[in-house]
mmCIF file of all heavy atoms, coordinates in Angstrom:
data_MODEL
# 
_entry.id   MODEL 
# 
loop_
_atom_site.group_PDB 
_atom_site.id 
_atom_site.type_symbol 
_atom_site.label_atom_id 
_atom_site.label_alt_id 
_atom_site.label_comp_id 
_atom_site.label_asym_id 
_atom_site.label_entity_id 
_atom_site.label_seq_id 
_atom_site.pdbx_PDB_ins_code 
_atom_site.Cartn_x 
_atom_site.Cartn_y 
_atom_site.Cartn_z 
_atom_site.occupancy 
_atom_site.B_iso_or_equiv 
_atom_site.pdbx_formal_charge 
_atom_site.auth_seq_id 
_atom_site.auth_comp_id 
_atom_site.auth_asym_id 
_atom_site.auth_atom_id 
_atom_site.pdbx_PDB_model_num 
ATOM 1   N N   . LEU A 1 1  ? 25.423 -75.729 52.950 1.00 0.00 ? 1  LEU A N   1 
ATOM 2   C CA  . LEU A 1 1  ? 25.385 -76.919 52.244 1.00 0.00 ? 1  LEU A CA  1 
ATOM 3   C C   . LEU A 1 1  ? 24.092 -77.747 52.661 1.00 0.00 ? 1  LEU A C   1 
ATOM 4   O O   . LEU A 1 1  ? 23.410 -78.344 51.792 1.00 0.00 ? 1  LEU A O   1 
ATOM 5   C CB  . LEU A 1 1  ? 26.603 -77.804 52.492 1.00 0.00 ? 1  LEU A CB  1 
ATOM 6   C CG  . LEU A 1 1  ? 27.892 -77.189 51.794 1.00 0.00 ? 1  LEU A CG  1 
ATOM 7   C CD1 . LEU A 1 1  ? 29.083 -77.997 52.018 1.00 0.00 ? 1  LEU A CD1 1 
ATOM 8   C CD2 . LEU A 1 1  ? 27.641 -77.246 50.175 1.00 0.00 ? 1  LEU A CD2 1 
ATOM 9   N N   . SER A 1 2  ? 23.856 -77.789 53.923 1.00 0.00 ? 2  SER A N   1 
ATOM 10  C CA  . SER A 1 2  ? 22.707 -78.609 54.404 1.00 0.00 ? 2  SER A CA  1 
ATOM 11  C C   . SER A 1 2  ? 21.395 -77.864 53.978 1.00 0.00 ? 2  SER A C   1 
ATOM 12  O O   . SER A 1 2  ? 20.439 -78.472 53.588 1.00 0.00 ? 2  SER A O   1 
ATOM 13  C CB  . SER A 1 2  ? 22.700 -78.835 56.013 1.00 0.00 ? 2  SER A CB  1 
ATOM 14  O OG  . SER A 1 2  ? 22.336 -77.589 56.615 1.00 0.00 ? 2  SER A OG  1 
ATOM 15  N N   . GLU A 1 3  ? 21.480 -76.474 54.012 1.00 0.00 ? 3  GLU A N   1 
ATOM 16  C CA  . GLU A 1 3  ? 20.260 -75.823 53.451 1.00 0.00 ? 3  GLU A CA  1 
ATOM 17  C C   . GLU A 1 3  ? 20.060 -75.903 51.987 1.00 0.00 ? 3  GLU A C   1 
ATOM 18  O O   . GLU A 1 3  ? 19.007 -76.036 51.543 1.00 0.00 ? 3  GLU A O   1 
ATOM 19  C CB  . GLU A 1 3  ? 20.324 -74.306 53.944 1.00 0.00 ? 3  GLU A CB  1 
ATOM 20  C CG  . GLU A 1 3  ? 20.188 -74.060 55.361 1.00 0.00 ? 3  GLU A CG  1 
ATOM 21  C CD  . GLU A 1 3  ? 20.315 -72.716 55.784 1.00 0.00 ? 3  GLU A CD  1 
ATOM 22  O OE1 . GLU A 1 3  ? 20.752 -71.805 55.085 1.00 0.00 ? 3  GLU A OE1 1 
ATOM 23  O OE2 . GLU A 1 3  ? 19.992 -72.344 56.946 1.00 0.00 ? 3  GLU A OE2 1 
ATOM 24  N N   . LEU A 1 4  ? 21.120 -76.096 51.279 1.00 0.00 ? 4  LEU A N   1 
ATOM 25  C CA  . LEU A 1 4  ? 21.034 -76.256 49.807 1.00 0.00 ? 4  LEU A CA  1 
ATOM 26  C C   . LEU A 1 4  ? 20.254 -77.599 49.559 1.00 0.00 ? 4  LEU A C   1 
ATOM 27  O O   . LEU A 1 4  ? 19.492 -77.628 48.695 1.00 0.00 ? 4  LEU A O   1 
ATOM 28  C CB  . LEU A 1 4  ? 22.447 -76.297 49.215 1.00 0.00 ? 4  LEU A CB  1 
ATOM 29  C CG  . LEU A 1 4  ? 22.505 -76.572 47.727 1.00 0.00 ? 4  LEU A CG  1 
ATOM 30  C CD1 . LEU A 1 4  ? 21.814 -75.482 46.960 1.00 0.00 ? 4  LEU A CD1 1 
ATOM 31  C CD2 . LEU A 1 4  ? 23.906 -76.760 47.120 1.00 0.00 ? 4  LEU A CD2 1 
ATOM 32  N N   . ILE A 1 5  ? 20.746 -78.573 50.314 1.00 0.00 ? 5  ILE A N   1 
ATOM 33  C CA  . ILE A 1 5  ? 20.000 -79.826 50.114 1.00 0.00 ? 5  ILE A CA  1 
ATOM 34  C C   . ILE A 1 5  ? 18.640 -80.010 50.580 1.00 0.00 ? 5  ILE A C   1 
ATOM 35  O O   . ILE A 1 5  ? 17.638 -80.319 49.858 1.00 0.00 ? 5  ILE A O   1 
ATOM 36  C CB  . ILE A 1 5  ? 20.898 -81.037 50.748 1.00 0.00 ? 5  ILE A CB  1 
ATOM 37  C CG1 . ILE A 1 5  ? 22.089 -81.122 50.185 1.00 0.00 ? 5  ILE A CG1 1 
ATOM 38  C CG2 . ILE A 1 5  ? 20.106 -82.247 50.820 1.00 0.00 ? 5  ILE A CG2 1 
ATOM 39  C CD1 . ILE A 1 5  ? 23.162 -81.935 50.970 1.00 0.00 ? 5  ILE A CD1 1 
ATOM 40  N N   . TRP A 1 6  ? 18.253 -79.446 51.745 1.00 0.00 ? 6  TRP A N   1 
ATOM 41  C CA  . TRP A 1 6  ? 17.050 -79.602 52.439 1.00 0.00 ? 6  TRP A CA  1 
ATOM 42  C C   . TRP A 1 6  ? 16.082 -78.364 52.222 1.00 0.00 ? 6  TRP A C   1 
ATOM 43  O O   . TRP A 1 6  ? 14.899 -78.505 52.550 1.00 0.00 ? 6  TRP A O   1 
ATOM 44  C CB  . TRP A 1 6  ? 17.218 -79.898 53.917 1.00 0.00 ? 6  TRP A CB  1 
ATOM 45  C CG  . TRP A 1 6  ? 18.061 -80.997 54.082 1.00 0.00 ? 6  TRP A CG  1 
ATOM 46  C CD1 . TRP A 1 6  ? 19.291 -81.202 54.593 1.00 0.00 ? 6  TRP A CD1 1 
ATOM 47  C CD2 . TRP A 1 6  ? 17.732 -82.462 53.818 1.00 0.00 ? 6  TRP A CD2 1 
ATOM 48  N NE1 . TRP A 1 6  ? 19.705 -82.527 54.554 1.00 0.00 ? 6  TRP A NE1 1 
ATOM 49  C CE2 . TRP A 1 6  ? 18.759 -83.286 54.115 1.00 0.00 ? 6  TRP A CE2 1 
ATOM 50  C CE3 . TRP A 1 6  ? 16.457 -83.049 53.295 1.00 0.00 ? 6  TRP A CE3 1 
ATOM 51  C CZ2 . TRP A 1 6  ? 18.712 -84.769 53.892 1.00 0.00 ? 6  TRP A CZ2 1 
ATOM 52  C CZ3 . TRP A 1 6  ? 16.489 -84.391 53.065 1.00 0.00 ? 6  TRP A CZ3 1 
ATOM 53  C CH2 . TRP A 1 6  ? 17.554 -85.237 53.536 1.00 0.00 ? 6  TRP A CH2 1 
ATOM 54  N N   . VAL A 1 7  ? 16.484 -77.322 51.804 1.00 0.00 ? 7  VAL A N   1 
ATOM 55  C CA  . VAL A 1 7  ? 15.661 -76.128 51.526 1.00 0.00 ? 7  VAL A CA  1 
ATOM 56  C C   . VAL A 1 7  ? 15.713 -75.767 50.008 1.00 0.00 ? 7  VAL A C   1 
ATOM 57  O O   . VAL A 1 7  ? 14.745 -75.530 49.319 1.00 0.00 ? 7  VAL A O   1 
ATOM 58  C CB  . VAL A 1 7  ? 15.988 -75.013 52.424 1.00 0.00 ? 7  VAL A CB  1 
ATOM 59  C CG1 . VAL A 1 7  ? 15.079 -73.724 52.149 1.00 0.00 ? 7  VAL A CG1 1 
ATOM 60  C CG2 . VAL A 1 7  ? 15.872 -75.318 53.901 1.00 0.00 ? 7  VAL A CG2 1 
ATOM 61  N N   . GLY A 1 8  ? 16.986 -75.565 49.525 1.00 0.00 ? 8  GLY A N   1 
ATOM 62  C CA  . GLY A 1 8  ? 17.152 -75.139 48.112 1.00 0.00 ? 8  GLY A CA  1 
ATOM 63  C C   . GLY A 1 8  ? 16.721 -76.082 47.074 1.00 0.00 ? 8  GLY A C   1 
ATOM 64  O O   . GLY A 1 8  ? 15.929 -75.540 46.202 1.00 0.00 ? 8  GLY A O   1 
ATOM 65  N N   . ILE A 1 9  ? 16.893 -77.269 47.225 1.00 0.00 ? 9  ILE A N   1 
ATOM 66  C CA  . ILE A 1 9  ? 16.442 -78.265 46.146 1.00 0.00 ? 9  ILE A CA  1 
ATOM 67  C C   . ILE A 1 9  ? 14.955 -78.353 46.210 1.00 0.00 ? 9  ILE A C   1 
ATOM 68  O O   . ILE A 1 9  ? 14.232 -78.307 45.211 1.00 0.00 ? 9  ILE A O   1 
ATOM 69  C CB  . ILE A 1 9  ? 17.200 -79.608 46.265 1.00 0.00 ? 9  ILE A CB  1 
ATOM 70  C CG1 . ILE A 1 9  ? 18.727 -79.409 45.851 1.00 0.00 ? 9  ILE A CG1 1 
ATOM 71  C CG2 . ILE A 1 9  ? 16.530 -80.659 45.402 1.00 0.00 ? 9  ILE A CG2 1 
ATOM 72  C CD1 . ILE A 1 9  ? 19.546 -80.621 46.106 1.00 0.00 ? 9  ILE A CD1 1 
ATOM 73  N N   . PRO A 1 10 ? 14.366 -78.735 47.427 1.00 0.00 ? 10 PRO A N   1 
ATOM 74  C CA  . PRO A 1 10 ? 12.868 -78.814 47.395 1.00 0.00 ? 10 PRO A CA  1 
ATOM 75  C C   . PRO A 1 10 ? 12.184 -77.424 47.020 1.00 0.00 ? 10 PRO A C   1 
ATOM 76  O O   . PRO A 1 10 ? 11.174 -77.388 46.341 1.00 0.00 ? 10 PRO A O   1 
ATOM 77  C CB  . PRO A 1 10 ? 12.476 -79.122 48.873 1.00 0.00 ? 10 PRO A CB  1 
ATOM 78  C CG  . PRO A 1 10 ? 13.804 -79.631 49.351 1.00 0.00 ? 10 PRO A CG  1 
ATOM 79  C CD  . PRO A 1 10 ? 14.948 -79.116 48.702 1.00 0.00 ? 10 PRO A CD  1 
ATOM 80  N N   . GLY A 1 11 ? 12.798 -76.321 47.467 1.00 0.00 ? 11 GLY A N   1 
ATOM 81  C CA  . GLY A 1 11 ? 12.252 -75.067 47.051 1.00 0.00 ? 11 GLY A CA  1 
ATOM 82  C C   . GLY A 1 11 ? 12.243 -74.787 45.598 1.00 0.00 ? 11 GLY A C   1 
ATOM 83  O O   . GLY A 1 11 ? 11.265 -74.286 45.019 1.00 0.00 ? 11 GLY A O   1 
ATOM 84  N N   . SER A 1 12 ? 13.374 -75.161 45.058 1.00 0.00 ? 12 SER A N   1 
ATOM 85  C CA  . SER A 1 12 ? 13.543 -74.982 43.455 1.00 0.00 ? 12 SER A CA  1 
ATOM 86  C C   . SER A 1 12 ? 12.465 -75.965 42.848 1.00 0.00 ? 12 SER A C   1 
ATOM 87  O O   . SER A 1 12 ? 12.056 -75.541 41.832 1.00 0.00 ? 12 SER A O   1 
ATOM 88  C CB  . SER A 1 12 ? 14.909 -75.337 43.147 1.00 0.00 ? 12 SER A CB  1 
ATOM 89  O OG  . SER A 1 12 ? 15.785 -74.363 43.711 1.00 0.00 ? 12 SER A OG  1 
ATOM 90  N N   . MET A 1 13 ? 12.341 -77.072 43.276 1.00 0.00 ? 13 MET A N   1 
ATOM 91  C CA  . MET A 1 13 ? 11.310 -78.033 42.706 1.00 0.00 ? 13 MET A CA  1 
ATOM 92  C C   . MET A 1 13 ? 9.824  -77.436 42.840 1.00 0.00 ? 13 MET A C   1 
ATOM 93  O O   . MET A 1 13 ? 9.074  -77.474 41.955 1.00 0.00 ? 13 MET A O   1 
ATOM 94  C CB  . MET A 1 13 ? 11.468 -79.346 43.347 1.00 0.00 ? 13 MET A CB  1 
ATOM 95  C CG  . MET A 1 13 ? 12.736 -80.185 42.964 1.00 0.00 ? 13 MET A CG  1 
ATOM 96  S SD  . MET A 1 13 ? 12.986 -81.642 43.805 1.00 0.00 ? 13 MET A SD  1 
ATOM 97  C CE  . MET A 1 13 ? 11.490 -82.399 43.853 1.00 0.00 ? 13 MET A CE  1 
ATOM 98  N N   . TYR A 1 14 ? 9.604  -76.800 43.953 1.00 0.00 ? 14 TYR A N   1 
ATOM 99  C CA  . TYR A 1 14 ? 8.347  -76.170 44.118 1.00 0.00 ? 14 TYR A CA  1 
ATOM 100 C C   . TYR A 1 14 ? 8.142  -75.060 43.210 1.00 0.00 ? 14 TYR A C   1 
ATOM 101 O O   . TYR A 1 14 ? 6.961  -74.939 42.585 1.00 0.00 ? 14 TYR A O   1 
ATOM 102 C CB  . TYR A 1 14 ? 8.176  -75.574 45.687 1.00 0.00 ? 14 TYR A CB  1 
ATOM 103 C CG  . TYR A 1 14 ? 6.863  -75.070 45.945 1.00 0.00 ? 14 TYR A CG  1 
ATOM 104 C CD1 . TYR A 1 14 ? 5.729  -75.810 46.256 1.00 0.00 ? 14 TYR A CD1 1 
ATOM 105 C CD2 . TYR A 1 14 ? 6.807  -73.685 45.743 1.00 0.00 ? 14 TYR A CD2 1 
ATOM 106 C CE1 . TYR A 1 14 ? 4.616  -75.196 46.488 1.00 0.00 ? 14 TYR A CE1 1 
ATOM 107 C CE2 . TYR A 1 14 ? 5.522  -73.035 45.970 1.00 0.00 ? 14 TYR A CE2 1 
ATOM 108 C CZ  . TYR A 1 14 ? 4.411  -73.822 46.447 1.00 0.00 ? 14 TYR A CZ  1 
ATOM 109 O OH  . TYR A 1 14 ? 3.209  -73.345 46.674 1.00 0.00 ? 14 TYR A OH  1 
ATOM 110 N N   . ILE A 1 15 ? 9.206  -74.253 43.060 1.00 0.00 ? 15 ILE A N   1 
ATOM 111 C CA  . ILE A 1 15 ? 9.043  -73.048 42.051 1.00 0.00 ? 15 ILE A CA  1 
ATOM 112 C C   . ILE A 1 15 ? 8.901  -73.612 40.663 1.00 0.00 ? 15 ILE A C   1 
ATOM 113 O O   . ILE A 1 15 ? 7.853  -73.109 39.933 1.00 0.00 ? 15 ILE A O   1 
ATOM 114 C CB  . ILE A 1 15 ? 10.393 -72.313 42.020 1.00 0.00 ? 15 ILE A CB  1 
ATOM 115 C CG1 . ILE A 1 15 ? 10.350 -71.549 43.352 1.00 0.00 ? 15 ILE A CG1 1 
ATOM 116 C CG2 . ILE A 1 15 ? 10.537 -71.292 40.865 1.00 0.00 ? 15 ILE A CG2 1 
ATOM 117 C CD1 . ILE A 1 15 ? 11.868 -70.886 43.624 1.00 0.00 ? 15 ILE A CD1 1 
ATOM 118 N N   . LEU A 1 16 ? 9.571  -74.697 40.320 1.00 0.00 ? 16 LEU A N   1 
ATOM 119 C CA  . LEU A 1 16 ? 9.360  -75.343 39.014 1.00 0.00 ? 16 LEU A CA  1 
ATOM 120 C C   . LEU A 1 16 ? 7.951  -75.748 38.691 1.00 0.00 ? 16 LEU A C   1 
ATOM 121 O O   . LEU A 1 16 ? 7.174  -75.498 37.766 1.00 0.00 ? 16 LEU A O   1 
ATOM 122 C CB  . LEU A 1 16 ? 10.322 -76.468 38.640 1.00 0.00 ? 16 LEU A CB  1 
ATOM 123 C CG  . LEU A 1 16 ? 10.205 -77.098 37.398 1.00 0.00 ? 16 LEU A CG  1 
ATOM 124 C CD1 . LEU A 1 16 ? 10.575 -76.164 36.143 1.00 0.00 ? 16 LEU A CD1 1 
ATOM 125 C CD2 . LEU A 1 16 ? 11.193 -78.370 37.338 1.00 0.00 ? 16 LEU A CD2 1 
ATOM 126 N N   . VAL A 1 17 ? 7.445  -76.579 39.604 1.00 0.00 ? 17 VAL A N   1 
ATOM 127 C CA  . VAL A 1 17 ? 6.113  -77.124 39.560 1.00 0.00 ? 17 VAL A CA  1 
ATOM 128 C C   . VAL A 1 17 ? 5.021  -76.035 39.670 1.00 0.00 ? 17 VAL A C   1 
ATOM 129 O O   . VAL A 1 17 ? 4.143  -76.065 38.817 1.00 0.00 ? 17 VAL A O   1 
ATOM 130 C CB  . VAL A 1 17 ? 5.880  -78.135 40.716 1.00 0.00 ? 17 VAL A CB  1 
ATOM 131 C CG1 . VAL A 1 17 ? 4.390  -78.500 40.889 1.00 0.00 ? 17 VAL A CG1 1 
ATOM 132 C CG2 . VAL A 1 17 ? 6.731  -79.389 40.505 1.00 0.00 ? 17 VAL A CG2 1 
ATOM 133 N N   . SER A 1 18 ? 5.039  -75.021 40.431 1.00 0.00 ? 18 SER A N   1 
ATOM 134 C CA  . SER A 1 18 ? 4.239  -73.856 40.508 1.00 0.00 ? 18 SER A CA  1 
ATOM 135 C C   . SER A 1 18 ? 4.166  -73.186 39.135 1.00 0.00 ? 18 SER A C   1 
ATOM 136 O O   . SER A 1 18 ? 3.176  -72.841 38.648 1.00 0.00 ? 18 SER A O   1 
ATOM 137 C CB  . SER A 1 18 ? 4.618  -72.880 41.507 1.00 0.00 ? 18 SER A CB  1 
ATOM 138 O OG  . SER A 1 18 ? 4.428  -73.446 42.846 1.00 0.00 ? 18 SER A OG  1 
ATOM 139 N N   . SER A 1 19 ? 5.470  -72.985 38.541 1.00 0.00 ? 19 SER A N   1 
ATOM 140 C CA  . SER A 1 19 ? 5.447  -72.332 37.210 1.00 0.00 ? 19 SER A CA  1 
ATOM 141 C C   . SER A 1 19 ? 4.744  -73.034 36.109 1.00 0.00 ? 19 SER A C   1 
ATOM 142 O O   . SER A 1 19 ? 4.029  -72.614 35.390 1.00 0.00 ? 19 SER A O   1 
ATOM 143 C CB  . SER A 1 19 ? 6.938  -72.050 36.824 1.00 0.00 ? 19 SER A CB  1 
ATOM 144 O OG  . SER A 1 19 ? 7.548  -71.223 37.753 1.00 0.00 ? 19 SER A OG  1 
ATOM 145 N N   . LEU A 1 20 ? 4.948  -74.410 36.292 1.00 0.00 ? 20 LEU A N   1 
ATOM 146 C CA  . LEU A 1 20 ? 4.267  -75.285 35.206 1.00 0.00 ? 20 LEU A CA  1 
ATOM 147 C C   . LEU A 1 20 ? 2.718  -75.251 35.375 1.00 0.00 ? 20 LEU A C   1 
ATOM 148 O O   . LEU A 1 20 ? 2.060  -75.096 34.333 1.00 0.00 ? 20 LEU A O   1 
ATOM 149 C CB  . LEU A 1 20 ? 4.813  -76.699 35.311 1.00 0.00 ? 20 LEU A CB  1 
ATOM 150 C CG  . LEU A 1 20 ? 6.300  -76.917 34.930 1.00 0.00 ? 20 LEU A CG  1 
ATOM 151 C CD1 . LEU A 1 20 ? 6.719  -78.352 35.230 1.00 0.00 ? 20 LEU A CD1 1 
ATOM 152 C CD2 . LEU A 1 20 ? 6.475  -76.610 33.502 1.00 0.00 ? 20 LEU A CD2 1 
ATOM 153 N N   . PHE A 1 21 ? 2.244  -75.269 36.576 1.00 0.00 ? 21 PHE A N   1 
ATOM 154 C CA  . PHE A 1 21 ? 0.858  -75.193 36.798 1.00 0.00 ? 21 PHE A CA  1 
ATOM 155 C C   . PHE A 1 21 ? 0.236  -73.886 36.484 1.00 0.00 ? 21 PHE A C   1 
ATOM 156 O O   . PHE A 1 21 ? -0.870 -73.765 35.821 1.00 0.00 ? 21 PHE A O   1 
ATOM 157 C CB  . PHE A 1 21 ? 0.560  -75.506 38.296 1.00 0.00 ? 21 PHE A CB  1 
ATOM 158 C CG  . PHE A 1 21 ? 0.302  -76.932 38.653 1.00 0.00 ? 21 PHE A CG  1 
ATOM 159 C CD1 . PHE A 1 21 ? 1.279  -77.587 39.469 1.00 0.00 ? 21 PHE A CD1 1 
ATOM 160 C CD2 . PHE A 1 21 ? -0.729 -77.650 38.067 1.00 0.00 ? 21 PHE A CD2 1 
ATOM 161 C CE1 . PHE A 1 21 ? 1.098  -78.927 39.576 1.00 0.00 ? 21 PHE A CE1 1 
ATOM 162 C CE2 . PHE A 1 21 ? -0.909 -78.957 38.389 1.00 0.00 ? 21 PHE A CE2 1 
ATOM 163 C CZ  . PHE A 1 21 ? -0.002 -79.632 39.185 1.00 0.00 ? 21 PHE A CZ  1 
ATOM 164 N N   . ARG A 1 22 ? 1.083  -72.774 36.762 1.00 0.00 ? 22 ARG A N   1 
ATOM 165 C CA  . ARG A 1 22 ? 0.563  -71.344 36.431 1.00 0.00 ? 22 ARG A CA  1 
ATOM 166 C C   . ARG A 1 22 ? 0.488  -71.233 34.918 1.00 0.00 ? 22 ARG A C   1 
ATOM 167 O O   . ARG A 1 22 ? -0.432 -70.715 34.332 1.00 0.00 ? 22 ARG A O   1 
ATOM 168 C CB  . ARG A 1 22 ? 1.431  -70.387 36.985 1.00 0.00 ? 22 ARG A CB  1 
ATOM 169 C CG  . ARG A 1 22 ? 0.870  -69.012 37.070 1.00 0.00 ? 22 ARG A CG  1 
ATOM 170 C CD  . ARG A 1 22 ? 1.672  -67.987 37.856 1.00 0.00 ? 22 ARG A CD  1 
ATOM 171 N NE  . ARG A 1 22 ? 3.109  -67.949 37.689 1.00 0.00 ? 22 ARG A NE  1 
ATOM 172 C CZ  . ARG A 1 22 ? 4.025  -68.485 38.351 1.00 0.00 ? 22 ARG A CZ  1 
ATOM 173 N NH1 . ARG A 1 22 ? 3.686  -69.009 39.592 1.00 0.00 ? 22 ARG A NH1 1 
ATOM 174 N NH2 . ARG A 1 22 ? 5.217  -68.311 38.197 1.00 0.00 ? 22 ARG A NH2 1 
ATOM 175 N N   . LYS A 1 23 ? 1.475  -71.766 34.138 1.00 0.00 ? 23 LYS A N   1 
ATOM 176 C CA  . LYS A 1 23 ? 1.502  -71.610 32.720 1.00 0.00 ? 23 LYS A CA  1 
ATOM 177 C C   . LYS A 1 23 ? 0.353  -72.565 32.173 1.00 0.00 ? 23 LYS A C   1 
ATOM 178 O O   . LYS A 1 23 ? -0.203 -72.049 31.132 1.00 0.00 ? 23 LYS A O   1 
ATOM 179 C CB  . LYS A 1 23 ? 2.810  -72.100 32.146 1.00 0.00 ? 23 LYS A CB  1 
ATOM 180 C CG  . LYS A 1 23 ? 4.034  -71.121 32.368 1.00 0.00 ? 23 LYS A CG  1 
ATOM 181 C CD  . LYS A 1 23 ? 5.237  -71.584 31.720 1.00 0.00 ? 23 LYS A CD  1 
ATOM 182 C CE  . LYS A 1 23 ? 6.245  -70.580 32.162 1.00 0.00 ? 23 LYS A CE  1 
ATOM 183 N NZ  . LYS A 1 23 ? 7.650  -70.892 31.628 1.00 0.00 ? 23 LYS A NZ  1 
ATOM 184 N N   . LYS A 1 24 ? 0.177  -73.587 32.577 1.00 0.00 ? 24 LYS A N   1 
ATOM 185 C CA  . LYS A 1 24 ? -0.993 -74.382 32.178 1.00 0.00 ? 24 LYS A CA  1 
ATOM 186 C C   . LYS A 1 24 ? -2.373 -73.880 32.441 1.00 0.00 ? 24 LYS A C   1 
ATOM 187 O O   . LYS A 1 24 ? -3.170 -73.770 31.499 1.00 0.00 ? 24 LYS A O   1 
ATOM 188 C CB  . LYS A 1 24 ? -0.863 -75.878 32.968 1.00 0.00 ? 24 LYS A CB  1 
ATOM 189 C CG  . LYS A 1 24 ? -2.057 -76.784 32.292 1.00 0.00 ? 24 LYS A CG  1 
ATOM 190 C CD  . LYS A 1 24 ? -2.030 -78.086 33.110 1.00 0.00 ? 24 LYS A CD  1 
ATOM 191 C CE  . LYS A 1 24 ? -3.229 -78.969 32.687 1.00 0.00 ? 24 LYS A CE  1 
ATOM 192 N NZ  . LYS A 1 24 ? -3.349 -80.185 33.490 1.00 0.00 ? 24 LYS A NZ  1 
ATOM 193 N N   . ASN A 1 25 ? -2.523 -73.146 33.484 1.00 0.00 ? 25 ASN A N   1 
ATOM 194 C CA  . ASN A 1 25 ? -3.745 -72.377 33.813 1.00 0.00 ? 25 ASN A CA  1 
ATOM 195 C C   . ASN A 1 25 ? -3.907 -71.183 33.026 1.00 0.00 ? 25 ASN A C   1 
ATOM 196 O O   . ASN A 1 25 ? -5.114 -70.799 32.657 1.00 0.00 ? 25 ASN A O   1 
ATOM 197 C CB  . ASN A 1 25 ? -3.831 -72.120 35.353 1.00 0.00 ? 25 ASN A CB  1 
ATOM 198 C CG  . ASN A 1 25 ? -4.185 -73.289 36.251 1.00 0.00 ? 25 ASN A CG  1 
ATOM 199 O OD1 . ASN A 1 25 ? -4.639 -74.299 35.773 1.00 0.00 ? 25 ASN A OD1 1 
ATOM 200 N ND2 . ASN A 1 25 ? -3.723 -73.292 37.459 1.00 0.00 ? 25 ASN A ND2 1 
ATOM 201 N N   . GLU A 1 26 ? -2.794 -70.470 32.566 1.00 0.00 ? 26 GLU A N   1 
ATOM 202 C CA  . GLU A 1 26 ? -2.853 -69.288 31.777 1.00 0.00 ? 26 GLU A CA  1 
ATOM 203 C C   . GLU A 1 26 ? -3.345 -69.672 30.375 1.00 0.00 ? 26 GLU A C   1 
ATOM 204 O O   . GLU A 1 26 ? -3.930 -68.866 29.690 1.00 0.00 ? 26 GLU A O   1 
ATOM 205 C CB  . GLU A 1 26 ? -1.553 -68.658 31.705 1.00 0.00 ? 26 GLU A CB  1 
ATOM 206 C CG  . GLU A 1 26 ? -1.262 -67.925 33.103 1.00 0.00 ? 26 GLU A CG  1 
ATOM 207 C CD  . GLU A 1 26 ? 0.121  -67.357 33.134 1.00 0.00 ? 26 GLU A CD  1 
ATOM 208 O OE1 . GLU A 1 26 ? 0.911  -67.468 32.153 1.00 0.00 ? 26 GLU A OE1 1 
ATOM 209 O OE2 . GLU A 1 26 ? 0.406  -66.715 34.172 1.00 0.00 ? 26 GLU A OE2 1 
ATOM 210 N N   . LYS A 1 27 ? -2.930 -70.942 29.937 1.00 0.00 ? 27 LYS A N   1 
ATOM 211 C CA  . LYS A 1 27 ? -3.312 -71.303 28.541 1.00 0.00 ? 27 LYS A CA  1 
ATOM 212 C C   . LYS A 1 27 ? -4.786 -71.677 28.531 1.00 0.00 ? 27 LYS A C   1 
ATOM 213 O O   . LYS A 1 27 ? -5.361 -71.553 27.414 1.00 0.00 ? 27 LYS A O   1 
ATOM 214 C CB  . LYS A 1 27 ? -2.474 -72.563 28.130 1.00 0.00 ? 27 LYS A CB  1 
ATOM 215 C CG  . LYS A 1 27 ? -1.065 -72.240 27.906 1.00 0.00 ? 27 LYS A CG  1 
ATOM 216 C CD  . LYS A 1 27 ? -0.365 -73.408 27.417 1.00 0.00 ? 27 LYS A CD  1 
ATOM 217 C CE  . LYS A 1 27 ? 1.149  -72.997 27.143 1.00 0.00 ? 27 LYS A CE  1 
ATOM 218 N NZ  . LYS A 1 27 ? 1.883  -74.148 26.717 1.00 0.00 ? 27 LYS A NZ  1 
ATOM 219 N N   . ASN A 1 28 ? -5.377 -72.214 29.625 1.00 0.00 ? 28 ASN A N   1 
ATOM 220 C CA  . ASN A 1 28 ? -6.807 -72.533 29.632 1.00 0.00 ? 28 ASN A CA  1 
ATOM 221 C C   . ASN A 1 28 ? -7.688 -71.423 29.888 1.00 0.00 ? 28 ASN A C   1 
ATOM 222 O O   . ASN A 1 28 ? -7.958 -70.474 29.901 1.00 0.00 ? 28 ASN A O   1 
ATOM 223 C CB  . ASN A 1 28 ? -7.083 -73.599 30.840 1.00 0.00 ? 28 ASN A CB  1 
ATOM 224 C CG  . ASN A 1 28 ? -6.344 -74.880 30.483 1.00 0.00 ? 28 ASN A CG  1 
ATOM 225 O OD1 . ASN A 1 28 ? -6.055 -75.152 29.323 1.00 0.00 ? 28 ASN A OD1 1 
ATOM 226 N ND2 . ASN A 1 28 ? -6.046 -75.563 31.466 1.00 0.00 ? 28 ASN A ND2 1 
# 
């Protein structure tokens, strides 16, 4: 549970942001 909060959530946010940046760069 502590890892879900302090690793899982930030890691998932990192994955989301990385995916958005990668998709944006692929379009350009």
